[in-house]
Amino acid sequence: MIVGRVEHGQIQLVSALPQDWEGQAVKIEPCVPADALPDLRRRLAVLHALGPMEYEPGEQAQIARALADMNELSRTQIQHLADDLR
């Protein structure tokens, strides 16, 4: 599949054309809907229909620990990057 992007009325290729490309007619469609809100509302309604979120015993604490660990790891990495720039 060839990937491109429309910019200022011109098609800019994102991926290279295959060597054996002989050309063909194409149909250009947006990757995202022009109005994503109806789709988001539909998806939200499906989630709400599932009911409230329920955790297994200890699961909520486990998730909180994992998020805290990731937060600390990212802080450490950012600090290393900042130290390298000094």
C-alpha atoms as a PDB file:
ATOM      1  CA  MET A   1       0.000   0.000   0.000  1.00  0.00           C
ATOM      2  CA  ILE A   2       1.250   3.448  -0.864  1.00  0.00           C
ATOM      3  CA  VAL A   3       0.765   6.088   1.789  1.00  0.00           C
ATOM      4  CA  GLY A   4       0.443   9.780   1.014  1.00  0.00           C
ATOM      5  CA  ARG A   5      -0.764  13.005   2.552  1.00  0.00           C
ATOM      6  CA  VAL A   6      -2.597  15.906   0.935  1.00  0.00           C
ATOM      7  CA  GLU A   7      -0.911  19.224   1.693  1.00  0.00           C
ATOM      8  CA  HIS A   8      -1.796  22.534   0.084  1.00  0.00           C
ATOM      9  CA  GLY A   9      -3.709  20.757  -2.686  1.00  0.00           C
ATOM     10  CA  GLN A  10      -0.779  18.470  -3.539  1.00  0.00           C
ATOM     11  CA  ILE A  11      -0.333  14.785  -2.739  1.00  0.00           C
ATOM     12  CA  GLN A  12       2.918  14.204  -0.850  1.00  0.00           C
ATOM     13  CA  LEU A  13       4.086  10.571  -0.742  1.00  0.00           C
ATOM     14  CA  VAL A  14       4.894   9.269   2.720  1.00  0.00           C
ATOM     15  CA  SER A  15       6.071   5.873   1.482  1.00  0.00           C
ATOM     16  CA  ALA A  16       8.170   5.213  -1.600  1.00  0.00           C
ATOM     17  CA  LEU A  17       6.627   3.867  -4.786  1.00  0.00           C
ATOM     18  CA  PRO A  18       7.485   0.235  -5.552  1.00  0.00           C
ATOM     19  CA  GLN A  19      10.094  -0.265  -8.304  1.00  0.00           C
ATOM     20  CA  ASP A  20       7.563  -2.086 -10.508  1.00  0.00           C
ATOM     21  CA  TRP A  21       4.935   0.658 -10.161  1.00  0.00           C
ATOM     22  CA  GLU A  22       3.211   1.207 -13.467  1.00  0.00           C
ATOM     23  CA  GLY A  23       0.545   3.471 -12.092  1.00  0.00           C
ATOM     24  CA  GLN A  24      -3.112   2.940 -11.437  1.00  0.00           C
ATOM     25  CA  ALA A  25      -6.200   4.938 -10.565  1.00  0.00           C
ATOM     26  CA  VAL A  26      -6.534   5.685  -6.882  1.00  0.00           C
ATOM     27  CA  LYS A  27      -9.288   6.878  -4.601  1.00  0.00           C
ATOM     28  CA  ILE A  28      -8.224   9.280  -1.878  1.00  0.00           C
ATOM     29  CA  GLU A  29     -10.145   9.198   1.389  1.00  0.00           C
ATOM     30  CA  PRO A  30      -9.334  10.796   4.729  1.00  0.00           C
ATOM     31  CA  CYS A  31      -7.866   8.452   7.328  1.00  0.00           C
ATOM     32  CA  VAL A  32     -10.088   9.972   9.995  1.00  0.00           C
ATOM     33  CA  PRO A  33     -13.715  10.931   9.639  1.00  0.00           C
ATOM     34  CA  ALA A  34     -14.411  14.621   9.082  1.00  0.00           C
ATOM     35  CA  ASP A  35     -16.629  14.558  12.165  1.00  0.00           C
ATOM     36  CA  ALA A  36     -15.385  11.974  14.637  1.00  0.00           C
ATOM     37  CA  LEU A  37     -17.838  13.045  17.356  1.00  0.00           C
ATOM     38  CA  PRO A  38     -20.697  10.669  16.379  1.00  0.00           C
ATOM     39  CA  ASP A  39     -18.299   7.704  16.396  1.00  0.00           C
ATOM     40  CA  LEU A  40     -16.881   8.768  19.758  1.00  0.00           C
ATOM     41  CA  ARG A  41     -20.382   9.143  21.190  1.00  0.00           C
ATOM     42  CA  ARG A  42     -21.303   5.659  19.936  1.00  0.00           C
ATOM     43  CA  ARG A  43     -18.182   4.142  21.481  1.00  0.00           C
ATOM     44  CA  LEU A  44     -18.801   5.955  24.763  1.00  0.00           C
ATOM     45  CA  ALA A  45     -22.372   4.655  24.841  1.00  0.00           C
ATOM     46  CA  VAL A  46     -21.077   1.090  24.379  1.00  0.00           C
ATOM     47  CA  LEU A  47     -18.620   1.573  27.252  1.00  0.00           C
ATOM     48  CA  HIS A  48     -21.342   2.975  29.516  1.00  0.00           C
ATOM     49  CA  ALA A  49     -23.580   0.027  28.646  1.00  0.00           C
ATOM     50  CA  LEU A  50     -20.921  -2.311  30.055  1.00  0.00           C
ATOM     51  CA  GLY A  51     -21.542  -0.852  33.494  1.00  0.00           C
ATOM     52  CA  PRO A  52     -19.157   0.457  36.125  1.00  0.00           C
ATOM     53  CA  MET A  53     -15.530  -0.624  36.190  1.00  0.00           C
ATOM     54  CA  GLU A  54     -14.917  -3.420  38.659  1.00  0.00           C
ATOM     55  CA  TYR A  55     -11.500  -4.342  39.974  1.00  0.00           C
ATOM     56  CA  GLU A  56     -10.333  -7.672  41.278  1.00  0.00           C
ATOM     57  CA  PRO A  57      -8.990  -7.560  44.852  1.00  0.00           C
ATOM     58  CA  GLY A  58      -5.622  -5.784  44.833  1.00  0.00           C
ATOM     59  CA  GLU A  59      -5.847  -4.879  41.144  1.00  0.00           C
ATOM     60  CA  GLN A  60      -6.408  -1.155  41.700  1.00  0.00           C
ATOM     61  CA  ALA A  61      -3.348  -0.933  43.979  1.00  0.00           C
ATOM     62  CA  GLN A  62      -1.291  -2.900  41.441  1.00  0.00           C
ATOM     63  CA  ILE A  63      -2.273  -0.479  38.670  1.00  0.00           C
ATOM     64  CA  ALA A  64      -1.451   2.513  40.886  1.00  0.00           C
ATOM     65  CA  ARG A  65       1.996   1.032  41.657  1.00  0.00           C
ATOM     66  CA  ALA A  66       2.692   0.348  37.973  1.00  0.00           C
ATOM     67  CA  LEU A  67       1.737   3.915  37.046  1.00  0.00           C
ATOM     68  CA  ALA A  68       3.909   5.320  39.835  1.00  0.00           C
ATOM     69  CA  ASP A  69       6.836   3.159  38.680  1.00  0.00           C
ATOM     70  CA  MET A  70       6.437   4.363  35.079  1.00  0.00           C
ATOM     71  CA  ASN A  71       6.212   7.956  36.284  1.00  0.00           C
ATOM     72  CA  GLU A  72       9.419   7.610  38.291  1.00  0.00           C
ATOM     73  CA  LEU A  73      11.205   5.912  35.404  1.00  0.00           C
ATOM     74  CA  SER A  74      10.216   8.703  33.006  1.00  0.00           C
ATOM     75  CA  ARG A  75      11.342  11.354  35.508  1.00  0.00           C
ATOM     76  CA  THR A  76      14.701   9.634  35.841  1.00  0.00           C
ATOM     77  CA  GLN A  77      15.144   9.410  32.071  1.00  0.00           C
ATOM     78  CA  ILE A  78      14.205  13.064  31.570  1.00  0.00           C
ATOM     79  CA  GLN A  79      16.646  14.052  34.308  1.00  0.00           C
ATOM     80  CA  HIS A  80      19.414  12.083  32.570  1.00  0.00           C
ATOM     81  CA  LEU A  81      18.629  13.860  29.313  1.00  0.00           C
ATOM     82  CA  ALA A  82      18.701  17.238  31.049  1.00  0.00           C
ATOM     83  CA  ASP A  83      22.020  16.378  32.735  1.00  0.00           C
ATOM     84  CA  ASP A  84      23.523  15.369  29.368  1.00  0.00           C
ATOM     85  CA  LEU A  85      22.603  18.769  27.921  1.00  0.00           C
ATOM     86  CA  ARG A  86      24.499  20.633  30.640  1.00  0.00           C
END
